[in-house]
Amino acid sequence: MEAFDALMGGFAIALQPTTLMWGFVGCFVGTLVGVLPGIGPALTIALLLPLTYHVPATSMFVMFAGIYYGAAYGGSTTSILLNTPGESSAVVTALEGNKMARQGRAGQALATAAIGSFVAGTIGTLALTFVAPWVVEAALAFGPAEYFSLMVLSVVAVSAVLGNSMLRGLVALSLGLLLGMVGVDLQTGQARFTFGRPELLDGIEVTVAAVGLFAVGEALYLAWQGRESKAGEVMKMSGSLWMSKQDWARSWKAWFRGAFFGFPIGAMPAGGAELPTLLSYYTEKKLSKHPEEFGHGAIEGVAGPEAANNAAAAGVLMPLLTLGIPTSATAAIMLSAFEGYGIQTGPQLFSQQGSLVWTLIASLYIGNVILLVLNLPLVSLWVKLLKIPPPWLYAGIIVISTAGVYGAGNSVFNVGLLFVFGLLGYIMRRFDFPAAPLIVGLILAPLGEQSMRQALTISQGDWSTFFTRPLSGSLMLVAALLLVVPALWKLWRAGSKR
């Protein structure tokens, strides 16, 4: 009942005209960036981070949530009409969705994707509403040692899952931890790694680093990549958007199965949206009464993966809000936004910022309805947007990033820092180093250092406190398993192939 009462309070704020407007803007912008290939939610939220200096936290996070959900919705449009997934989680949708479009059934493919996204997004948000308080209740037993162990688990999980190589993830993470040490040491008051620059005494601003790495760096990478890439053929919209009775009968079970794949896997530290979409697709192929249609435009192959994708989006918010663990690049950027407001995610978030959290969760319900209303009527507009020349997008991203960072603090030094991080972001993207671990390291380094020092002060310098305390030791064990198990699995598979 407490969760229900808190949710009703969240709805009271989320339904206020101003908050509702921010939610609508987020949903519209999110769908737009989901439609445009290469412009994902992480880049968009990074681009808007300078607004955190001027917009209240509640309104900002409602908009960010709308962008996150909207991008998950919008990604299906490019997958179906262009056969170009904007996000890796939308790859599976393209397998059957584009085949349906080529058969003149683009309308039905978009409809089952939109309705499935609504159903699964609602189920995922319900799960977030009633499961998150249990997670928080268990996590309130955390002390300094447990917080440090949680930080270790966070950085290991992020470096392990946000990239194709754990080694590259750990390199990016280490660089982030090093940059997080810049500024004044909170214990001794000594300046560290500032090179005599007073602008660095407060540390490197996470907003500047995130916008540089994700927005400027991504724009530079896309511009470089655009020299060799060729635009795909945009399928024309034909036929009705209404689904037939047979389409409904073949889709509704896939929606629910996809939702139950998406949320729990998305909530895991090593989850994400790619695995549940694949599992959903193969499950639907096995259970379908029309397996011969798979590979040629089976509607279940669109309904299930799209539902799993959107349920996973709600699942990703669970570890972010309850434990402060980001399991996707977008979640890492949202973590930096919390940092910008001076809000620490984790077990204390629900008690210290309860109004913000429950308004955010309530806005997810409202956003699902807004997106269902937006998606289908505006399909023709989204198709036209696919024809925007890419160079215009890249130039716009860089101009907006520069103006936003300069306007936030009127600092030319920060603008220079923005382009340093932009160049670093381009190099990392070019050589397949994930940027999200760097941001997470930058955020968690000072928090982890403080928790570690507090724990050692309490234990009188005994390092074993991180392993002998049951909860702290369990978190360290999970972190160790995340480091060791993938490597052992690869060795075992390599040995079995010989």
Protein backbone atom coordinates (compact mmCIF):
# COMPACT_ATOMS: atom_id res chain seq x y z
CA MET A 1 0.00 0.00 0.00
CA GLU A 2 2.86 2.40 0.72
CA ALA A 3 4.10 2.05 -2.85
CA PHE A 4 0.58 2.65 -4.19
CA ASP A 5 0.12 5.78 -2.06
CA ALA A 6 3.52 7.10 -3.11
CA LEU A 7 2.66 6.40 -6.77
CA MET A 8 -0.60 8.35 -6.44
CA GLY A 9 1.43 11.28 -5.07
CA GLY A 10 3.71 10.92 -8.09
CA PHE A 11 0.74 11.05 -10.45
CA ALA A 12 -0.50 14.24 -8.74
CA ILE A 13 2.78 15.96 -9.72
CA ALA A 14 3.23 14.22 -13.08
CA LEU A 15 -0.25 15.35 -14.24
CA GLN A 16 0.46 19.02 -13.53
CA PRO A 17 0.51 20.96 -16.83
CA THR A 18 4.21 21.92 -16.63
CA THR A 19 5.42 18.40 -15.81
CA LEU A 20 3.08 16.94 -18.43
CA MET A 21 4.53 19.31 -21.03
CA TRP A 22 8.09 18.16 -20.27
CA GLY A 23 6.94 14.54 -20.53
CA PHE A 24 5.32 15.19 -23.91
CA VAL A 25 8.46 16.97 -25.18
CA GLY A 26 10.59 14.03 -24.02
CA CYS A 27 8.35 11.47 -25.74
CA PHE A 28 8.32 13.45 -28.99
CA VAL A 29 12.09 14.04 -29.01
CA GLY A 30 12.74 10.43 -27.98
CA THR A 31 10.65 9.05 -30.84
CA LEU A 32 12.41 11.45 -33.21
CA VAL A 33 15.90 10.32 -32.18
CA GLY A 34 14.80 6.70 -32.23
CA VAL A 35 13.71 7.15 -35.84
CA LEU A 36 16.91 8.87 -37.00
CA PRO A 37 19.61 6.19 -37.53
CA GLY A 38 22.70 6.71 -35.39
CA ILE A 39 21.12 9.31 -33.09
CA GLY A 40 20.29 7.31 -29.95
CA PRO A 41 18.91 8.24 -26.51
CA ALA A 42 22.36 8.35 -24.85
CA LEU A 43 23.59 10.96 -27.32
CA THR A 44 20.37 13.00 -27.02
CA ILE A 45 20.31 13.05 -23.22
CA ALA A 46 24.01 13.96 -23.21
CA LEU A 47 23.23 16.81 -25.60
CA LEU A 48 20.56 18.13 -23.20
CA LEU A 49 22.65 17.82 -20.00
CA PRO A 50 23.49 21.56 -19.91
CA LEU A 51 19.77 22.19 -19.29
CA THR A 52 20.25 20.69 -15.82
CA TYR A 53 21.67 24.08 -14.77
CA HIS A 54 18.38 25.81 -15.57
CA VAL A 55 15.51 23.27 -15.33
CA PRO A 56 14.20 21.74 -12.06
CA ALA A 57 15.25 18.14 -11.44
CA THR A 58 11.74 16.65 -11.56
CA SER A 59 10.89 18.18 -14.94
CA MET A 60 14.28 17.22 -16.35
CA PHE A 61 14.10 13.55 -15.36
CA VAL A 62 10.52 13.27 -16.60
CA MET A 63 11.77 14.51 -19.98
CA PHE A 64 14.78 12.17 -19.91
CA ALA A 65 12.50 9.21 -19.15
CA GLY A 66 10.28 10.24 -22.08
CA ILE A 67 13.34 10.36 -24.34
CA TYR A 68 14.48 6.93 -23.15
CA TYR A 69 11.10 5.26 -23.67
CA GLY A 70 10.44 7.22 -26.87
CA ALA A 71 13.71 6.10 -28.44
CA ALA A 72 12.83 2.48 -27.69
CA TYR A 73 9.49 3.06 -29.50
CA GLY A 74 10.96 5.01 -32.41
CA GLY A 75 13.73 2.51 -33.18
CA SER A 76 11.17 0.13 -34.65
CA THR A 77 10.32 2.61 -37.43
CA THR A 78 13.80 2.59 -38.98
CA SER A 79 14.13 -1.16 -38.45
CA ILE A 80 10.88 -1.80 -40.32
CA LEU A 81 10.97 0.88 -43.03
CA LEU A 82 14.72 1.27 -43.59
CA ASN A 83 16.15 -2.07 -42.34
CA THR A 84 18.60 0.09 -40.32
CA PRO A 85 18.32 -0.40 -36.53
CA GLY A 86 19.23 2.80 -34.67
CA GLU A 87 20.04 0.77 -31.54
CA SER A 88 21.54 -2.71 -31.22
CA SER A 89 18.40 -3.83 -29.36
CA ALA A 90 16.31 -3.13 -32.50
CA VAL A 91 18.33 -5.47 -34.75
CA VAL A 92 15.96 -8.40 -34.19
CA THR A 93 12.91 -6.31 -35.13
CA ALA A 94 14.45 -5.65 -38.54
CA LEU A 95 14.64 -9.39 -39.32
CA GLU A 96 10.87 -9.75 -39.78
CA GLY A 97 9.69 -6.13 -39.78
CA ASN A 98 11.45 -5.12 -42.99
CA LYS A 99 10.25 -8.30 -44.71
CA MET A 100 6.67 -7.37 -43.76
CA ALA A 101 7.22 -3.87 -45.16
CA ARG A 102 8.44 -5.34 -48.46
CA GLN A 103 5.24 -7.37 -48.63
CA GLY A 104 3.15 -4.20 -48.27
CA ARG A 105 2.40 -4.82 -44.58
CA ALA A 106 4.49 -2.00 -43.08
CA GLY A 107 1.38 -0.60 -41.37
CA GLN A 108 0.64 -3.82 -39.49
CA ALA A 109 4.32 -4.22 -38.53
CA LEU A 110 4.44 -0.69 -37.09
CA ALA A 111 1.10 -1.22 -35.32
CA THR A 112 2.12 -4.44 -33.56
CA ALA A 113 5.45 -2.83 -32.59
CA ALA A 114 3.70 0.24 -31.13
CA ILE A 115 0.96 -1.65 -29.26
CA GLY A 116 3.44 -4.27 -28.04
CA SER A 117 5.71 -1.50 -26.79
CA PHE A 118 2.77 0.02 -24.89
CA VAL A 119 1.72 -3.28 -23.30
CA ALA A 120 5.26 -4.33 -22.35
CA GLY A 121 6.25 -0.83 -21.19
CA THR A 122 3.23 -0.77 -18.88
CA ILE A 123 4.00 -4.25 -17.49
CA GLY A 124 7.64 -3.25 -16.95
CA THR A 125 6.64 -0.04 -15.18
CA LEU A 126 4.22 -1.96 -12.94
CA ALA A 127 7.05 -4.29 -11.99
CA LEU A 128 9.34 -1.31 -11.32
CA THR A 129 6.64 0.25 -9.11
CA PHE A 130 6.11 -2.69 -6.81
CA VAL A 131 9.49 -4.49 -6.88
CA ALA A 132 11.78 -1.45 -6.46
CA PRO A 133 10.67 -0.70 -2.84
CA TRP A 134 11.63 -4.26 -1.83
CA VAL A 135 15.08 -3.82 -3.33
CA VAL A 136 15.48 -0.49 -1.52
CA GLU A 137 14.32 -1.97 1.80
CA ALA A 138 16.98 -4.68 1.56
CA ALA A 139 19.65 -2.17 0.53
CA LEU A 140 19.04 0.19 3.47
CA ALA A 141 21.27 -2.10 5.55
CA PHE A 142 24.28 -0.72 3.62
CA GLY A 143 27.15 0.87 5.52
CA PRO A 144 30.39 2.42 4.14
CA ALA A 145 31.92 -1.02 3.44
CA GLU A 146 28.82 -2.17 1.56
CA TYR A 147 28.70 1.07 -0.43
CA PHE A 148 32.32 0.62 -1.49
CA SER A 149 31.66 -2.99 -2.51
CA LEU A 150 28.62 -1.81 -4.45
CA MET A 151 30.81 0.76 -6.24
CA VAL A 152 33.23 -2.04 -7.14
CA LEU A 153 30.35 -4.16 -8.47
CA SER A 154 29.04 -1.17 -10.44
CA VAL A 155 32.31 -0.42 -12.19
CA VAL A 156 33.01 -4.11 -12.93
CA ALA A 157 29.48 -4.65 -14.29
CA VAL A 158 29.66 -1.56 -16.47
CA SER A 159 33.09 -2.39 -17.88
CA ALA A 160 31.95 -5.96 -18.54
CA VAL A 161 28.63 -5.27 -20.28
CA LEU A 162 29.08 -1.93 -22.06
CA GLY A 163 31.44 -2.96 -24.81
CA ASN A 164 32.65 -5.88 -26.92
CA SER A 165 35.83 -6.37 -24.89
CA MET A 166 36.24 -6.45 -21.12
CA LEU A 167 39.85 -5.27 -21.49
CA ARG A 168 38.73 -2.17 -23.44
CA GLY A 169 35.97 -1.58 -20.88
CA LEU A 170 38.47 -1.75 -18.01
CA VAL A 171 40.86 0.64 -19.81
CA ALA A 172 38.02 3.17 -20.26
CA LEU A 173 36.97 2.66 -16.65
CA SER A 174 40.53 3.19 -15.36
CA LEU A 175 40.79 6.43 -17.32
CA GLY A 176 37.50 7.57 -15.79
CA LEU A 177 38.68 6.71 -12.26
CA LEU A 178 41.88 8.69 -12.88
CA LEU A 179 39.93 11.73 -14.14
CA GLY A 180 37.63 11.41 -11.12
CA MET A 181 40.63 12.08 -8.87
CA VAL A 182 41.11 15.58 -10.35
CA GLY A 183 40.29 18.35 -7.87
CA VAL A 184 40.59 18.93 -4.14
CA ASP A 185 41.01 15.86 -1.90
CA LEU A 186 38.04 15.93 0.49
CA GLN A 187 40.09 14.41 3.34
CA THR A 188 43.27 16.52 3.22
CA GLY A 189 42.22 19.63 1.27
CA GLN A 190 45.15 19.20 -1.14
CA ALA A 191 44.75 19.88 -4.87
CA ARG A 192 45.34 16.85 -7.10
CA PHE A 193 46.09 16.75 -10.85
CA THR A 194 44.93 20.34 -11.42
CA PHE A 195 48.19 21.52 -13.12
CA GLY A 196 47.74 24.92 -11.51
CA ARG A 197 44.37 25.55 -13.21
CA PRO A 198 41.83 26.99 -10.74
CA GLU A 199 38.99 25.79 -13.04
CA LEU A 200 39.90 22.19 -12.10
CA LEU A 201 39.82 22.63 -8.32
CA ASP A 202 36.19 21.46 -8.21
CA GLY A 203 37.02 18.52 -10.48
CA ILE A 204 36.02 17.84 -14.07
CA GLU A 205 32.35 18.59 -14.63
CA VAL A 206 30.54 15.38 -15.53
CA THR A 207 28.22 17.30 -17.85
CA VAL A 208 31.11 18.60 -19.96
CA ALA A 209 32.70 15.14 -20.16
CA ALA A 210 29.43 13.40 -21.04
CA VAL A 211 28.42 15.90 -23.72
CA GLY A 212 31.92 15.77 -25.21
CA LEU A 213 32.19 11.98 -25.26
CA PHE A 214 28.68 11.13 -26.37
CA ALA A 215 27.47 14.11 -28.41
CA VAL A 216 30.58 15.69 -29.99
CA GLY A 217 32.50 12.40 -30.15
CA GLU A 218 29.54 10.57 -31.71
CA ALA A 219 28.97 13.36 -34.24
CA LEU A 220 32.63 13.24 -35.30
CA TYR A 221 32.48 9.45 -35.57
CA LEU A 222 29.26 9.46 -37.60
CA ALA A 223 30.70 12.13 -39.91
CA TRP A 224 33.82 10.01 -40.45
CA GLN A 225 31.74 6.87 -40.98
CA GLY A 226 29.38 8.66 -43.37
CA ARG A 227 32.07 8.84 -46.05
CA GLU A 228 31.77 5.11 -46.62
CA SER A 229 28.17 4.33 -45.69
CA LYS A 230 25.33 4.20 -48.19
CA ALA A 231 21.78 5.19 -47.40
CA GLY A 232 19.28 2.34 -47.39
CA GLU A 233 16.03 2.28 -49.27
CA VAL A 234 13.11 3.72 -47.28
CA MET A 235 10.04 1.51 -47.78
CA LYS A 236 6.85 3.39 -48.63
CA MET A 237 3.91 3.20 -46.28
CA SER A 238 1.17 1.11 -47.84
CA GLY A 239 -1.99 -0.51 -46.59
CA SER A 240 -3.85 0.12 -43.35
CA LEU A 241 -2.34 0.64 -39.90
CA TRP A 242 -5.15 -1.48 -38.44
CA MET A 243 -4.33 -5.05 -37.49
CA SER A 244 -6.64 -7.86 -38.56
CA LYS A 245 -8.15 -10.36 -36.10
CA GLN A 246 -5.51 -12.87 -37.13
CA ASP A 247 -2.75 -10.31 -36.49
CA TRP A 248 -4.14 -9.66 -33.00
CA ALA A 249 -4.42 -13.38 -32.28
CA ARG A 250 -0.80 -13.96 -33.32
CA SER A 251 0.57 -10.90 -31.50
CA TRP A 252 -0.97 -10.63 -28.04
CA LYS A 253 0.73 -13.68 -26.51
CA ALA A 254 4.06 -12.57 -27.99
CA TRP A 255 3.65 -9.16 -26.33
CA PHE A 256 3.24 -10.70 -22.88
CA ARG A 257 6.01 -13.27 -23.34
CA GLY A 258 8.35 -10.51 -24.57
CA ALA A 259 7.53 -8.37 -21.52
CA PHE A 260 8.37 -11.21 -19.13
CA PHE A 261 11.68 -11.77 -20.91
CA GLY A 262 12.56 -8.06 -21.01
CA PHE A 263 12.04 -6.73 -17.48
CA PRO A 264 13.98 -9.24 -15.34
CA ILE A 265 16.90 -9.48 -17.79
CA GLY A 266 16.99 -5.68 -18.23
CA ALA A 267 17.15 -5.32 -14.44
CA MET A 268 20.22 -7.55 -14.13
CA PRO A 269 23.66 -5.86 -13.85
CA ALA A 270 24.76 -7.68 -17.01
CA GLY A 271 21.33 -7.68 -18.66
CA GLY A 272 20.57 -5.05 -21.30
CA ALA A 273 17.97 -5.25 -24.07
CA GLU A 274 19.84 -7.32 -26.67
CA LEU A 275 19.56 -10.69 -24.89
CA PRO A 276 15.79 -10.58 -24.15
CA THR A 277 14.97 -9.53 -27.73
CA LEU A 278 16.94 -12.51 -29.08
CA LEU A 279 15.35 -14.90 -26.57
CA SER A 280 11.90 -13.56 -27.44
CA TYR A 281 12.49 -14.01 -31.17
CA TYR A 282 13.67 -17.62 -30.81
CA THR A 283 10.84 -18.43 -28.39
CA GLU A 284 8.23 -17.11 -30.82
CA LYS A 285 9.83 -19.08 -33.65
CA LYS A 286 9.63 -22.29 -31.61
CA LEU A 287 6.06 -21.71 -30.40
CA SER A 288 4.61 -20.34 -33.64
CA LYS A 289 2.02 -22.29 -35.62
CA HIS A 290 3.55 -20.71 -38.74
CA PRO A 291 7.33 -21.32 -38.35
CA GLU A 292 7.74 -21.31 -42.13
CA GLU A 293 6.95 -17.56 -42.16
CA PHE A 294 9.98 -16.69 -40.01
CA GLY A 295 12.59 -15.08 -42.20
CA HIS A 296 9.85 -13.99 -44.60
CA GLY A 297 7.80 -11.56 -42.46
CA ALA A 298 6.26 -13.28 -39.39
CA ILE A 299 4.32 -10.79 -37.26
CA GLU A 300 5.27 -12.61 -34.01
CA GLY A 301 8.92 -11.88 -34.85
CA VAL A 302 8.12 -8.17 -34.58
CA ALA A 303 5.66 -8.27 -31.66
CA GLY A 304 7.79 -10.29 -29.21
CA PRO A 305 11.19 -8.58 -29.60
CA GLU A 306 9.67 -5.08 -29.55
CA ALA A 307 7.83 -5.92 -26.33
CA ALA A 308 11.02 -7.34 -24.80
CA ASN A 309 12.95 -4.21 -25.84
CA ASN A 310 10.55 -1.83 -24.08
CA ALA A 311 10.15 -3.96 -20.95
CA ALA A 312 13.96 -4.06 -20.70
CA ALA A 313 14.00 -0.25 -20.80
CA ALA A 314 11.94 -0.23 -17.59
CA GLY A 315 14.16 -2.97 -16.16
CA VAL A 316 17.32 -0.92 -16.73
CA LEU A 317 15.90 1.81 -14.47
CA MET A 318 15.61 -0.65 -11.55
CA PRO A 319 19.35 -1.04 -10.71
CA LEU A 320 19.95 2.63 -11.59
CA LEU A 321 17.39 4.00 -9.12
CA THR A 322 17.71 1.41 -6.34
CA LEU A 323 21.45 0.62 -6.36
CA GLY A 324 23.01 3.35 -8.53
CA ILE A 325 24.26 0.78 -11.08
CA PRO A 326 23.92 1.87 -14.74
CA THR A 327 23.58 -1.12 -17.09
CA SER A 328 23.38 0.81 -20.37
CA ALA A 329 25.01 3.86 -21.94
CA THR A 330 21.76 5.82 -21.52
CA ALA A 331 21.57 4.88 -17.83
CA ALA A 332 25.18 6.06 -17.40
CA ILE A 333 24.27 9.46 -18.85
CA MET A 334 21.20 9.67 -16.58
CA LEU A 335 23.52 8.86 -13.66
CA SER A 336 25.65 11.87 -14.65
CA ALA A 337 22.48 14.00 -14.69
CA PHE A 338 21.70 12.94 -11.11
CA GLU A 339 25.27 13.90 -10.24
CA GLY A 340 24.72 17.31 -11.88
CA TYR A 341 21.85 17.95 -9.47
CA GLY A 342 23.89 16.73 -6.51
CA ILE A 343 21.59 13.70 -6.10
CA GLN A 344 23.19 10.35 -5.25
CA THR A 345 21.35 7.34 -6.66
CA GLY A 346 21.15 4.21 -4.56
CA PRO A 347 19.19 2.94 -1.55
CA GLN A 348 18.80 6.42 -0.02
CA LEU A 349 17.27 7.89 -3.18
CA PHE A 350 13.71 6.72 -2.40
CA SER A 351 13.81 8.21 1.12
CA GLN A 352 15.70 11.42 0.31
CA GLN A 353 14.15 12.17 -3.10
CA GLY A 354 10.89 10.21 -2.87
CA SER A 355 8.82 12.85 -4.65
CA LEU A 356 11.22 12.92 -7.61
CA VAL A 357 11.41 9.12 -7.93
CA TRP A 358 7.67 8.48 -7.75
CA THR A 359 6.91 11.35 -10.14
CA LEU A 360 9.42 9.79 -12.54
CA ILE A 361 7.76 6.36 -12.26
CA ALA A 362 4.28 7.88 -12.67
CA SER A 363 5.49 9.73 -15.78
CA LEU A 364 6.45 6.37 -17.33
CA TYR A 365 2.80 5.27 -17.24
CA ILE A 366 1.71 8.57 -18.79
CA GLY A 367 4.55 8.44 -21.32
CA ASN A 368 3.43 5.02 -22.54
CA VAL A 369 -0.01 6.45 -23.36
CA ILE A 370 1.50 9.55 -25.02
CA LEU A 371 3.79 7.39 -27.15
CA LEU A 372 0.95 5.14 -28.29
CA VAL A 373 -1.01 8.23 -29.34
CA LEU A 374 2.05 9.80 -31.01
CA ASN A 375 3.52 6.82 -32.80
CA LEU A 376 0.88 5.67 -35.25
CA PRO A 377 -0.57 9.00 -36.50
CA LEU A 378 2.89 10.53 -37.05
CA VAL A 379 4.45 7.66 -39.00
CA SER A 380 4.35 9.66 -42.25
CA LEU A 381 6.24 12.51 -40.52
CA TRP A 382 8.91 10.13 -39.21
CA VAL A 383 9.39 8.73 -42.72
CA LYS A 384 10.04 12.25 -44.07
CA LEU A 385 12.60 12.90 -41.30
CA LEU A 386 14.62 9.90 -42.50
CA LYS A 387 15.56 12.00 -45.55
CA ILE A 388 17.35 14.77 -43.57
CA PRO A 389 20.96 15.03 -44.87
CA PRO A 390 23.26 13.51 -42.20
CA PRO A 391 25.84 16.38 -42.34
CA TRP A 392 23.13 18.77 -41.13
CA LEU A 393 22.55 16.54 -38.10
CA TYR A 394 26.26 16.32 -37.24
CA ALA A 395 26.78 20.08 -37.53
CA GLY A 396 23.67 20.77 -35.45
CA ILE A 397 24.83 18.42 -32.69
CA ILE A 398 28.23 20.12 -32.39
CA VAL A 399 26.75 23.66 -32.44
CA ILE A 400 24.13 22.82 -29.80
CA SER A 401 26.73 21.08 -27.61
CA THR A 402 29.09 24.07 -27.73
CA ALA A 403 26.33 26.60 -27.05
CA GLY A 404 24.91 24.52 -24.20
CA VAL A 405 28.21 24.05 -22.38
CA TYR A 406 29.25 27.69 -22.79
CA GLY A 407 25.81 28.97 -21.75
CA ALA A 408 25.84 26.80 -18.63
CA GLY A 409 28.90 28.43 -17.06
CA ASN A 410 30.14 31.15 -19.47
CA SER A 411 33.49 29.34 -19.41
CA VAL A 412 35.76 29.20 -22.46
CA PHE A 413 37.88 26.65 -20.54
CA ASN A 414 34.89 24.28 -20.39
CA VAL A 415 34.36 24.68 -24.14
CA GLY A 416 37.99 23.71 -24.73
CA LEU A 417 37.52 20.75 -22.37
CA LEU A 418 34.37 19.79 -24.30
CA PHE A 419 36.33 19.43 -27.54
CA VAL A 420 39.15 17.54 -25.79
CA PHE A 421 36.58 15.02 -24.60
CA GLY A 422 34.93 15.11 -28.04
CA LEU A 423 38.20 14.12 -29.70
CA LEU A 424 38.74 11.45 -27.03
CA GLY A 425 35.19 10.19 -27.66
CA TYR A 426 35.86 9.95 -31.39
CA ILE A 427 39.09 8.00 -30.83
CA MET A 428 37.37 5.63 -28.39
CA ARG A 429 34.46 5.07 -30.80
CA ARG A 430 36.88 4.61 -33.70
CA PHE A 431 38.80 1.87 -31.90
CA ASP A 432 35.77 0.31 -30.17
CA PHE A 433 36.43 1.50 -26.61
CA PRO A 434 33.10 2.04 -24.76
CA ALA A 435 32.62 5.58 -23.43
CA ALA A 436 30.07 4.77 -20.70
CA PRO A 437 32.61 3.15 -18.31
CA LEU A 438 34.69 6.33 -18.44
CA ILE A 439 31.71 8.43 -17.32
CA VAL A 440 30.80 5.93 -14.60
CA GLY A 441 34.41 5.93 -13.35
CA LEU A 442 34.44 9.74 -13.31
CA ILE A 443 31.27 9.79 -11.18
CA LEU A 444 32.02 6.90 -8.83
CA ALA A 445 35.73 7.59 -8.15
CA PRO A 446 35.17 10.29 -5.47
CA LEU A 447 32.16 8.45 -3.98
CA GLY A 448 34.03 5.15 -3.84
CA GLU A 449 37.13 6.77 -2.34
CA GLN A 450 35.07 8.42 0.40
CA SER A 451 33.22 5.17 1.27
CA MET A 452 36.50 3.23 1.31
CA ARG A 453 38.16 5.72 3.68
CA GLN A 454 35.13 5.76 6.00
CA ALA A 455 35.04 1.95 6.11
CA LEU A 456 38.77 1.75 6.86
CA THR A 457 38.44 4.40 9.58
CA ILE A 458 35.64 2.41 11.26
CA SER A 459 37.60 -0.87 10.98
CA GLN A 460 40.86 0.82 12.14
CA GLY A 461 42.60 0.11 8.83
CA ASP A 462 41.50 -3.53 8.49
CA TRP A 463 41.03 -4.23 4.75
CA SER A 464 39.32 -7.55 5.46
CA THR A 465 36.18 -5.63 6.50
CA PHE A 466 35.14 -5.52 2.83
CA PHE A 467 35.12 -9.35 2.70
CA THR A 468 34.11 -10.42 6.22
CA ARG A 469 30.89 -8.38 6.40
CA PRO A 470 28.25 -10.68 4.82
CA LEU A 471 26.58 -8.20 2.46
CA SER A 472 29.83 -6.50 1.45
CA GLY A 473 31.53 -9.87 0.88
CA SER A 474 28.60 -11.08 -1.26
CA LEU A 475 28.82 -8.01 -3.48
CA MET A 476 32.59 -8.52 -3.87
CA LEU A 477 31.96 -12.17 -4.80
CA VAL A 478 29.47 -11.16 -7.51
CA ALA A 479 31.97 -8.61 -8.85
CA ALA A 480 34.70 -11.28 -8.95
CA LEU A 481 32.36 -13.68 -10.78
CA LEU A 482 31.55 -11.01 -13.36
CA LEU A 483 35.27 -10.63 -14.00
CA VAL A 484 36.20 -14.33 -14.06
CA VAL A 485 33.21 -16.23 -15.47
CA PRO A 486 33.12 -14.62 -18.96
CA ALA A 487 36.85 -15.32 -19.44
CA LEU A 488 36.48 -18.94 -18.28
CA TRP A 489 33.44 -19.37 -20.54
CA LYS A 490 35.44 -18.18 -23.56
CA LEU A 491 38.31 -20.55 -22.71
CA TRP A 492 35.91 -23.47 -22.32
CA ARG A 493 34.20 -22.75 -25.64
CA ALA A 494 37.55 -22.37 -27.40
CA GLY A 495 38.68 -25.72 -25.94
CA SER A 496 35.45 -27.49 -26.89
CA LYS A 497 35.81 -26.42 -30.55
CA ARG A 498 39.20 -28.10 -30.91
